[in-house]
N, C-alpha and C. Protein backbone atom coordinates (compact mmCIF):
# COMPACT_ATOMS: atom_id res chain seq x y z
N MET A 1 -92.27 -59.14 -126.52
CA MET A 1 -93.58 -58.65 -126.12
C MET A 1 -94.42 -59.81 -125.60
N VAL A 2 -95.10 -59.59 -124.54
CA VAL A 2 -95.90 -60.64 -123.91
C VAL A 2 -97.23 -60.79 -124.64
N VAL A 3 -97.62 -62.03 -124.89
CA VAL A 3 -98.88 -62.31 -125.57
C VAL A 3 -100.00 -62.38 -124.55
N ARG A 4 -101.09 -61.65 -124.85
CA ARG A 4 -102.26 -61.73 -123.97
C ARG A 4 -103.00 -63.02 -124.25
N ARG A 5 -103.18 -63.83 -123.25
CA ARG A 5 -103.82 -65.12 -123.44
C ARG A 5 -105.33 -64.98 -123.59
N GLU A 6 -105.93 -64.05 -122.90
CA GLU A 6 -107.38 -63.87 -122.98
C GLU A 6 -107.69 -62.49 -123.55
N LYS A 7 -108.59 -62.47 -124.53
CA LYS A 7 -109.02 -61.21 -125.08
C LYS A 7 -109.98 -60.55 -124.10
N LYS A 8 -110.03 -59.23 -124.16
CA LYS A 8 -110.94 -58.49 -123.28
C LYS A 8 -112.39 -58.87 -123.57
N SER A 9 -112.69 -59.06 -124.86
CA SER A 9 -114.07 -59.38 -125.23
C SER A 9 -114.50 -60.72 -124.63
N ARG A 10 -113.59 -61.68 -124.52
CA ARG A 10 -113.94 -62.96 -123.93
C ARG A 10 -114.07 -62.83 -122.41
N LYS A 11 -113.21 -62.03 -121.86
CA LYS A 11 -113.21 -61.86 -120.42
C LYS A 11 -114.45 -61.12 -119.94
N MET A 12 -114.92 -60.16 -120.77
CA MET A 12 -116.00 -59.28 -120.35
C MET A 12 -117.39 -59.80 -120.72
N HIS A 13 -117.52 -61.07 -121.02
CA HIS A 13 -118.84 -61.58 -121.36
C HIS A 13 -119.69 -61.88 -120.14
N GLY A 14 -119.32 -61.34 -119.05
CA GLY A 14 -120.00 -61.67 -117.80
C GLY A 14 -121.18 -60.77 -117.51
N TYR A 15 -121.09 -60.07 -116.43
CA TYR A 15 -122.23 -59.37 -115.86
C TYR A 15 -122.58 -58.10 -116.61
N ARG A 16 -123.80 -57.92 -116.98
CA ARG A 16 -124.48 -56.73 -117.47
C ARG A 16 -123.86 -56.00 -118.66
N ASN A 17 -122.95 -55.11 -118.44
CA ASN A 17 -122.57 -54.17 -119.49
C ASN A 17 -121.22 -54.45 -120.11
N ARG A 18 -120.64 -55.56 -119.77
CA ARG A 18 -119.42 -56.05 -120.40
C ARG A 18 -118.27 -55.05 -120.33
N GLY A 19 -118.16 -54.38 -119.26
CA GLY A 19 -117.01 -53.51 -119.06
C GLY A 19 -117.13 -52.12 -119.64
N TRP A 20 -118.31 -51.74 -120.10
CA TRP A 20 -118.46 -50.42 -120.72
C TRP A 20 -119.11 -49.43 -119.77
N GLY A 21 -119.41 -49.80 -118.58
CA GLY A 21 -120.07 -48.89 -117.65
C GLY A 21 -121.58 -48.96 -117.82
N SER A 22 -122.30 -48.40 -116.88
CA SER A 22 -123.75 -48.58 -116.87
C SER A 22 -124.52 -47.42 -117.49
N ILE A 23 -123.87 -46.27 -117.69
CA ILE A 23 -124.63 -45.11 -118.15
C ILE A 23 -124.34 -44.84 -119.61
N GLY A 24 -125.17 -45.41 -120.47
CA GLY A 24 -125.19 -45.03 -121.87
C GLY A 24 -124.14 -45.60 -122.78
N GLN A 25 -123.00 -45.97 -122.29
CA GLN A 25 -121.92 -46.34 -123.19
C GLN A 25 -122.21 -47.69 -123.86
N HIS A 26 -122.22 -47.71 -125.17
CA HIS A 26 -122.45 -48.92 -125.97
C HIS A 26 -123.80 -49.57 -125.65
N ARG A 27 -124.79 -48.77 -125.28
CA ARG A 27 -126.06 -49.37 -124.87
C ARG A 27 -127.24 -48.93 -125.70
N LYS A 28 -127.36 -47.66 -126.04
CA LYS A 28 -128.58 -47.17 -126.67
C LYS A 28 -128.39 -46.97 -128.17
N SER A 29 -129.42 -46.40 -128.80
CA SER A 29 -129.39 -46.28 -130.26
C SER A 29 -128.34 -45.31 -130.76
N GLY A 30 -127.80 -44.48 -129.90
CA GLY A 30 -126.75 -43.55 -130.32
C GLY A 30 -125.49 -44.26 -130.75
N SER A 31 -125.25 -45.43 -130.21
CA SER A 31 -124.03 -46.15 -130.57
C SER A 31 -124.10 -46.73 -131.97
N ARG A 32 -125.31 -46.88 -132.50
CA ARG A 32 -125.43 -47.38 -133.88
C ARG A 32 -125.86 -46.28 -134.85
N GLY A 33 -125.86 -45.03 -134.39
CA GLY A 33 -126.17 -43.92 -135.29
C GLY A 33 -127.64 -43.67 -135.47
N GLY A 34 -128.47 -44.12 -134.56
CA GLY A 34 -129.91 -43.91 -134.65
C GLY A 34 -130.64 -45.19 -134.96
N ARG A 35 -131.95 -45.14 -134.78
CA ARG A 35 -132.77 -46.31 -135.04
C ARG A 35 -133.19 -46.39 -136.50
N GLY A 36 -133.27 -47.58 -137.03
CA GLY A 36 -133.80 -47.80 -138.38
C GLY A 36 -132.97 -47.16 -139.46
N ALA A 37 -133.65 -46.40 -140.33
CA ALA A 37 -132.99 -45.82 -141.50
C ALA A 37 -132.51 -44.40 -141.26
N SER A 38 -132.42 -43.99 -140.01
CA SER A 38 -131.96 -42.63 -139.75
C SER A 38 -130.49 -42.50 -140.12
N GLY A 39 -130.16 -41.36 -140.70
CA GLY A 39 -128.79 -41.09 -141.08
C GLY A 39 -128.40 -41.63 -142.44
N MET A 40 -129.34 -42.19 -143.18
CA MET A 40 -129.00 -42.76 -144.48
C MET A 40 -128.57 -41.68 -145.46
N HIS A 41 -129.10 -40.47 -145.32
CA HIS A 41 -128.69 -39.37 -146.19
C HIS A 41 -127.61 -38.52 -145.55
N LYS A 42 -127.12 -38.92 -144.38
CA LYS A 42 -126.15 -38.11 -143.66
C LYS A 42 -124.93 -38.95 -143.28
N HIS A 43 -124.83 -39.39 -142.05
CA HIS A 43 -123.61 -40.05 -141.60
C HIS A 43 -123.49 -41.51 -142.03
N LYS A 44 -124.57 -42.11 -142.53
CA LYS A 44 -124.48 -43.49 -143.03
C LYS A 44 -124.45 -43.54 -144.55
N TRP A 45 -124.15 -42.40 -145.18
CA TRP A 45 -124.22 -42.30 -146.64
C TRP A 45 -123.22 -43.24 -147.32
N SER A 46 -122.03 -43.37 -146.77
CA SER A 46 -121.03 -44.24 -147.38
C SER A 46 -121.48 -45.70 -147.31
N TRP A 47 -122.18 -46.07 -146.26
CA TRP A 47 -122.74 -47.42 -146.14
C TRP A 47 -123.80 -47.65 -147.22
N VAL A 48 -124.65 -46.63 -147.45
CA VAL A 48 -125.68 -46.72 -148.49
C VAL A 48 -125.02 -46.91 -149.86
N LEU A 49 -123.98 -46.14 -150.13
CA LEU A 49 -123.30 -46.26 -151.43
C LEU A 49 -122.67 -47.63 -151.60
N LYS A 50 -122.15 -48.18 -150.54
CA LYS A 50 -121.45 -49.46 -150.64
C LYS A 50 -122.41 -50.64 -150.76
N TYR A 51 -123.47 -50.65 -149.95
CA TYR A 51 -124.31 -51.84 -149.85
C TYR A 51 -125.69 -51.72 -150.51
N PHE A 52 -126.28 -50.53 -150.51
CA PHE A 52 -127.63 -50.36 -151.06
C PHE A 52 -127.68 -49.13 -151.96
N ARG A 53 -127.09 -49.23 -153.15
CA ARG A 53 -127.01 -48.08 -154.05
C ARG A 53 -128.39 -47.60 -154.51
N ASP A 54 -129.37 -48.49 -154.58
CA ASP A 54 -130.69 -48.08 -155.05
C ASP A 54 -131.68 -47.83 -153.90
N TRP A 55 -131.17 -47.49 -152.74
CA TRP A 55 -132.03 -47.21 -151.58
C TRP A 55 -132.91 -45.99 -151.85
N PHE A 56 -132.32 -44.95 -152.43
CA PHE A 56 -133.04 -43.71 -152.69
C PHE A 56 -133.30 -43.55 -154.18
N GLY A 57 -134.15 -42.60 -154.50
CA GLY A 57 -134.39 -42.24 -155.89
C GLY A 57 -135.67 -42.82 -156.43
N ASP A 58 -136.08 -42.27 -157.58
CA ASP A 58 -137.29 -42.73 -158.25
C ASP A 58 -137.04 -44.11 -158.82
N LYS A 59 -138.10 -44.87 -158.92
CA LYS A 59 -138.00 -46.22 -159.43
C LYS A 59 -138.55 -46.32 -160.85
N GLY A 60 -138.66 -45.18 -161.53
CA GLY A 60 -139.11 -45.21 -162.92
C GLY A 60 -140.48 -44.59 -163.10
N PHE A 61 -140.88 -44.50 -164.36
CA PHE A 61 -142.14 -43.88 -164.74
C PHE A 61 -143.07 -44.95 -165.28
N ILE A 62 -144.29 -44.96 -164.80
CA ILE A 62 -145.28 -45.92 -165.28
C ILE A 62 -146.35 -45.15 -166.03
N SER A 63 -146.45 -45.42 -167.30
CA SER A 63 -147.41 -44.72 -168.15
C SER A 63 -148.82 -45.24 -167.90
N ARG A 64 -149.79 -44.36 -168.04
CA ARG A 64 -151.19 -44.79 -167.91
C ARG A 64 -151.59 -45.71 -169.05
N SER A 65 -151.02 -45.46 -170.22
CA SER A 65 -151.37 -46.27 -171.38
C SER A 65 -150.68 -47.63 -171.36
N ARG A 66 -149.88 -47.88 -170.34
CA ARG A 66 -149.19 -49.17 -170.25
C ARG A 66 -150.18 -50.31 -170.06
N ASN A 67 -151.30 -50.03 -169.41
CA ASN A 67 -152.28 -51.07 -169.15
C ASN A 67 -152.94 -51.57 -170.42
N THR A 68 -152.98 -50.72 -171.47
CA THR A 68 -153.62 -51.12 -172.71
C THR A 68 -152.55 -51.58 -173.69
N MET A 69 -152.03 -52.76 -173.45
CA MET A 69 -151.02 -53.32 -174.35
C MET A 69 -151.70 -53.79 -175.63
N VAL A 70 -150.99 -53.63 -176.75
CA VAL A 70 -151.53 -54.05 -178.03
C VAL A 70 -151.23 -55.53 -178.22
N LYS A 71 -152.29 -56.30 -178.33
CA LYS A 71 -152.16 -57.72 -178.63
C LYS A 71 -152.71 -57.91 -180.04
N ALA A 72 -151.81 -58.08 -180.98
CA ALA A 72 -152.18 -58.10 -182.39
C ALA A 72 -152.16 -59.50 -182.96
N ILE A 73 -152.89 -59.64 -184.08
CA ILE A 73 -152.94 -60.91 -184.80
C ILE A 73 -152.99 -60.59 -186.29
N ASN A 74 -152.37 -61.41 -187.09
CA ASN A 74 -152.39 -61.23 -188.54
C ASN A 74 -153.60 -61.92 -189.15
N VAL A 75 -153.93 -61.51 -190.39
CA VAL A 75 -155.06 -62.11 -191.11
C VAL A 75 -154.81 -63.59 -191.34
N GLY A 76 -153.56 -63.97 -191.59
CA GLY A 76 -153.21 -65.38 -191.78
C GLY A 76 -153.49 -66.22 -190.54
N GLU A 77 -153.19 -65.65 -189.38
CA GLU A 77 -153.49 -66.36 -188.13
C GLU A 77 -154.99 -66.45 -187.89
N LEU A 78 -155.71 -65.43 -188.30
CA LEU A 78 -157.18 -65.45 -188.21
C LEU A 78 -157.73 -66.56 -189.09
N ASN A 79 -157.13 -66.76 -190.26
CA ASN A 79 -157.53 -67.83 -191.16
C ASN A 79 -157.37 -69.19 -190.49
N ASP A 80 -156.26 -69.38 -189.74
CA ASP A 80 -156.05 -70.65 -189.02
C ASP A 80 -157.10 -70.86 -187.94
N ILE A 81 -157.45 -69.77 -187.23
CA ILE A 81 -158.47 -69.86 -186.17
C ILE A 81 -159.81 -70.26 -186.77
N VAL A 82 -160.17 -69.65 -187.91
CA VAL A 82 -161.45 -69.96 -188.57
C VAL A 82 -161.45 -71.42 -189.04
N ALA A 83 -160.33 -71.88 -189.56
CA ALA A 83 -160.24 -73.27 -190.03
C ALA A 83 -160.45 -74.25 -188.87
N LYS A 84 -159.86 -73.95 -187.72
CA LYS A 84 -160.03 -74.82 -186.55
C LYS A 84 -161.48 -74.81 -186.05
N LEU A 85 -162.10 -73.63 -186.08
CA LEU A 85 -163.52 -73.54 -185.67
C LEU A 85 -164.42 -74.33 -186.61
N MET A 86 -164.11 -74.28 -187.91
CA MET A 86 -164.92 -75.02 -188.89
C MET A 86 -164.74 -76.53 -188.70
N GLN A 87 -163.50 -76.97 -188.41
CA GLN A 87 -163.25 -78.39 -188.22
C GLN A 87 -163.95 -78.92 -186.97
N SER A 88 -163.90 -78.13 -185.88
CA SER A 88 -164.52 -78.59 -184.63
C SER A 88 -166.01 -78.28 -184.58
N GLN A 89 -166.54 -77.70 -185.65
CA GLN A 89 -167.97 -77.36 -185.79
C GLN A 89 -168.46 -76.45 -184.66
N LYS A 90 -167.59 -75.55 -184.22
CA LYS A 90 -167.96 -74.57 -183.19
C LYS A 90 -168.13 -73.18 -183.78
N ALA A 91 -168.02 -73.08 -185.11
CA ALA A 91 -168.11 -71.77 -185.77
C ALA A 91 -169.55 -71.28 -185.79
N VAL A 92 -169.74 -70.00 -185.48
CA VAL A 92 -171.05 -69.37 -185.57
C VAL A 92 -171.14 -68.73 -186.95
N ILE A 93 -172.11 -69.17 -187.74
CA ILE A 93 -172.24 -68.67 -189.11
C ILE A 93 -173.49 -67.81 -189.20
N GLU A 94 -173.29 -66.61 -189.78
CA GLU A 94 -174.36 -65.63 -189.90
C GLU A 94 -174.30 -65.04 -191.30
N ASP A 95 -175.33 -65.19 -192.09
CA ASP A 95 -175.38 -64.72 -193.49
C ASP A 95 -174.24 -65.29 -194.33
N GLY A 96 -173.89 -66.53 -194.09
CA GLY A 96 -172.83 -67.17 -194.86
C GLY A 96 -171.42 -66.75 -194.44
N LYS A 97 -171.30 -66.04 -193.33
CA LYS A 97 -169.99 -65.57 -192.86
C LYS A 97 -169.75 -66.11 -191.45
N VAL A 98 -168.50 -66.49 -191.19
CA VAL A 98 -168.13 -66.96 -189.87
C VAL A 98 -167.93 -65.74 -188.97
N VAL A 99 -168.62 -65.72 -187.82
CA VAL A 99 -168.56 -64.57 -186.91
C VAL A 99 -167.49 -64.83 -185.84
N ILE A 100 -166.56 -63.87 -185.71
CA ILE A 100 -165.50 -63.98 -184.71
C ILE A 100 -165.37 -62.65 -183.98
N ASN A 101 -165.44 -62.72 -182.65
CA ASN A 101 -165.20 -61.54 -181.82
C ASN A 101 -163.79 -61.69 -181.23
N LEU A 102 -162.85 -60.92 -181.77
CA LEU A 102 -161.45 -61.07 -181.35
C LEU A 102 -161.21 -60.53 -179.94
N SER A 103 -162.04 -59.60 -179.47
CA SER A 103 -161.85 -59.08 -178.11
C SER A 103 -162.12 -60.15 -177.06
N GLU A 104 -163.00 -61.11 -177.37
CA GLU A 104 -163.25 -62.23 -176.47
C GLU A 104 -162.03 -63.16 -176.38
N LEU A 105 -161.22 -63.15 -177.44
CA LEU A 105 -160.00 -63.96 -177.45
C LEU A 105 -158.81 -63.21 -176.87
N GLY A 106 -159.03 -61.95 -176.45
CA GLY A 106 -157.95 -61.16 -175.86
C GLY A 106 -157.10 -60.45 -176.88
N ILE A 107 -157.61 -60.29 -178.11
CA ILE A 107 -156.86 -59.64 -179.18
C ILE A 107 -157.53 -58.31 -179.48
N ASN A 108 -156.72 -57.23 -179.56
CA ASN A 108 -157.32 -55.93 -179.79
C ASN A 108 -156.87 -55.24 -181.06
N LYS A 109 -156.10 -55.94 -181.92
CA LYS A 109 -155.73 -55.36 -183.21
C LYS A 109 -155.57 -56.45 -184.26
N LEU A 110 -156.05 -56.15 -185.48
CA LEU A 110 -155.95 -57.06 -186.60
C LEU A 110 -155.01 -56.45 -187.63
N LEU A 111 -153.97 -57.20 -188.00
CA LEU A 111 -152.98 -56.72 -188.96
C LEU A 111 -153.11 -57.48 -190.27
N GLY A 112 -152.47 -56.97 -191.33
CA GLY A 112 -152.70 -57.47 -192.68
C GLY A 112 -151.76 -58.53 -193.19
N GLY A 113 -150.98 -59.19 -192.35
CA GLY A 113 -150.06 -60.22 -192.82
C GLY A 113 -150.78 -61.52 -193.15
N GLY A 114 -150.39 -62.15 -194.25
CA GLY A 114 -150.98 -63.44 -194.63
C GLY A 114 -152.21 -63.28 -195.50
N THR A 115 -152.92 -64.41 -195.71
CA THR A 115 -154.12 -64.40 -196.55
C THR A 115 -155.26 -65.09 -195.80
N ILE A 116 -156.47 -64.82 -196.26
CA ILE A 116 -157.65 -65.46 -195.66
C ILE A 116 -158.51 -66.05 -196.76
N GLY A 117 -159.02 -67.23 -196.52
CA GLY A 117 -159.78 -67.94 -197.53
C GLY A 117 -161.25 -68.12 -197.18
N TYR A 118 -161.70 -67.52 -196.08
CA TYR A 118 -163.09 -67.66 -195.64
C TYR A 118 -163.73 -66.28 -195.57
N PRO A 119 -165.03 -66.20 -195.90
CA PRO A 119 -165.74 -64.93 -195.63
C PRO A 119 -166.04 -64.85 -194.13
N VAL A 120 -165.53 -63.83 -193.48
CA VAL A 120 -165.69 -63.71 -192.04
C VAL A 120 -166.28 -62.36 -191.66
N LYS A 121 -166.94 -62.35 -190.52
CA LYS A 121 -167.42 -61.11 -189.92
C LYS A 121 -166.65 -60.95 -188.61
N VAL A 122 -165.73 -59.98 -188.58
CA VAL A 122 -164.80 -59.84 -187.47
C VAL A 122 -165.15 -58.61 -186.65
N PHE A 123 -165.22 -58.79 -185.33
CA PHE A 123 -165.39 -57.68 -184.40
C PHE A 123 -164.06 -57.48 -183.69
N VAL A 124 -163.48 -56.28 -183.82
CA VAL A 124 -162.16 -56.02 -183.25
C VAL A 124 -162.05 -54.53 -182.91
N ALA A 125 -161.20 -54.20 -181.93
CA ALA A 125 -161.06 -52.82 -181.48
C ALA A 125 -160.37 -51.95 -182.52
N SER A 126 -159.32 -52.45 -183.17
CA SER A 126 -158.66 -51.68 -184.22
C SER A 126 -158.09 -52.63 -185.27
N PHE A 127 -157.89 -52.11 -186.48
CA PHE A 127 -157.40 -52.93 -187.58
C PHE A 127 -156.66 -52.04 -188.57
N SER A 128 -155.81 -52.66 -189.38
CA SER A 128 -155.07 -51.92 -190.40
C SER A 128 -155.86 -51.89 -191.69
N LYS A 129 -155.47 -50.96 -192.58
CA LYS A 129 -156.15 -50.83 -193.88
C LYS A 129 -156.01 -52.10 -194.70
N LYS A 130 -154.80 -52.67 -194.66
CA LYS A 130 -154.52 -53.88 -195.45
C LYS A 130 -155.36 -55.06 -194.96
N ALA A 131 -155.53 -55.16 -193.63
CA ALA A 131 -156.35 -56.24 -193.08
C ALA A 131 -157.80 -56.09 -193.54
N LYS A 132 -158.29 -54.88 -193.52
CA LYS A 132 -159.67 -54.62 -193.95
C LYS A 132 -159.85 -54.96 -195.44
N GLU A 133 -158.87 -54.56 -196.25
CA GLU A 133 -158.92 -54.85 -197.69
C GLU A 133 -158.97 -56.35 -197.96
N LYS A 134 -158.11 -57.09 -197.28
CA LYS A 134 -158.03 -58.54 -197.51
C LYS A 134 -159.30 -59.26 -197.09
N ILE A 135 -159.89 -58.83 -195.95
CA ILE A 135 -161.11 -59.49 -195.48
C ILE A 135 -162.29 -59.14 -196.40
N GLU A 136 -162.37 -57.90 -196.87
CA GLU A 136 -163.45 -57.51 -197.78
C GLU A 136 -163.29 -58.19 -199.14
N LYS A 137 -162.04 -58.41 -199.57
CA LYS A 137 -161.77 -59.10 -200.83
C LYS A 137 -162.24 -60.55 -200.75
N ALA A 138 -162.14 -61.16 -199.55
CA ALA A 138 -162.59 -62.54 -199.36
C ALA A 138 -164.10 -62.62 -199.13
N GLY A 139 -164.79 -61.47 -199.12
CA GLY A 139 -166.24 -61.47 -198.95
C GLY A 139 -166.66 -61.29 -197.51
N GLY A 140 -165.80 -60.76 -196.68
CA GLY A 140 -166.10 -60.58 -195.28
C GLY A 140 -166.30 -59.12 -194.88
N VAL A 141 -166.51 -58.92 -193.58
CA VAL A 141 -166.76 -57.57 -193.02
C VAL A 141 -165.93 -57.43 -191.74
N VAL A 142 -165.39 -56.22 -191.54
CA VAL A 142 -164.69 -55.92 -190.30
C VAL A 142 -165.46 -54.81 -189.58
N GLN A 143 -165.82 -55.05 -188.33
CA GLN A 143 -166.54 -54.03 -187.56
C GLN A 143 -165.73 -53.64 -186.34
N LYS A 144 -165.63 -52.31 -186.14
CA LYS A 144 -164.87 -51.79 -185.01
C LYS A 144 -165.74 -51.77 -183.77
N ILE A 145 -165.18 -52.22 -182.64
CA ILE A 145 -165.90 -52.18 -181.38
C ILE A 145 -165.06 -51.41 -180.37
N LEU A 146 -165.69 -50.90 -179.34
CA LEU A 146 -164.99 -50.20 -178.28
C LEU A 146 -164.47 -51.20 -177.27
N GLN A 147 -163.31 -50.89 -176.67
CA GLN A 147 -162.73 -51.78 -175.67
C GLN A 147 -163.40 -51.59 -174.35
C-alpha cells in the first residue's frame, strides 16, 4: 500500500474554506451543534455527563436562619475575659459588678461550662439555665437583649 506523504489537512490550509466548499459546510454554528449551551439537554447530553456532571440541577437549599449562626461562650471563658479587663483596667464597673455586653463582642449565647469568680452584669441575646444560676450564685445578673 502506498503511503500518503501529505495529509489532506496540511494540504488544504490554503485559501478560504480548506476544501469544504463555500456554502455552509463546516462553516456555521450547525457544525458544532448550535451556539453556546444549546443542546446540553439533548444531543450534547453525553458530553455533559462526561465533562460537566454538575451543569444542571439545584445547588442546594439555603436556610433563612443560616445567617443567624450561634456563637456561644462558656461561663469559664467569660471569667477569663473579665480577668483580662480587670488587669488592663478597661472594665466598666456599675454597682460593684463588671458590665459586659457580649453582643458587642459578637457572641449571642452564654453557656454554663466552667466557673466564674466575679460579680458580673452580662447583656446577651440568649443564655442557658445553668449559666444564669452560676452568674447569680457569684452575685451577678444576666439580662436578655434583642439581636
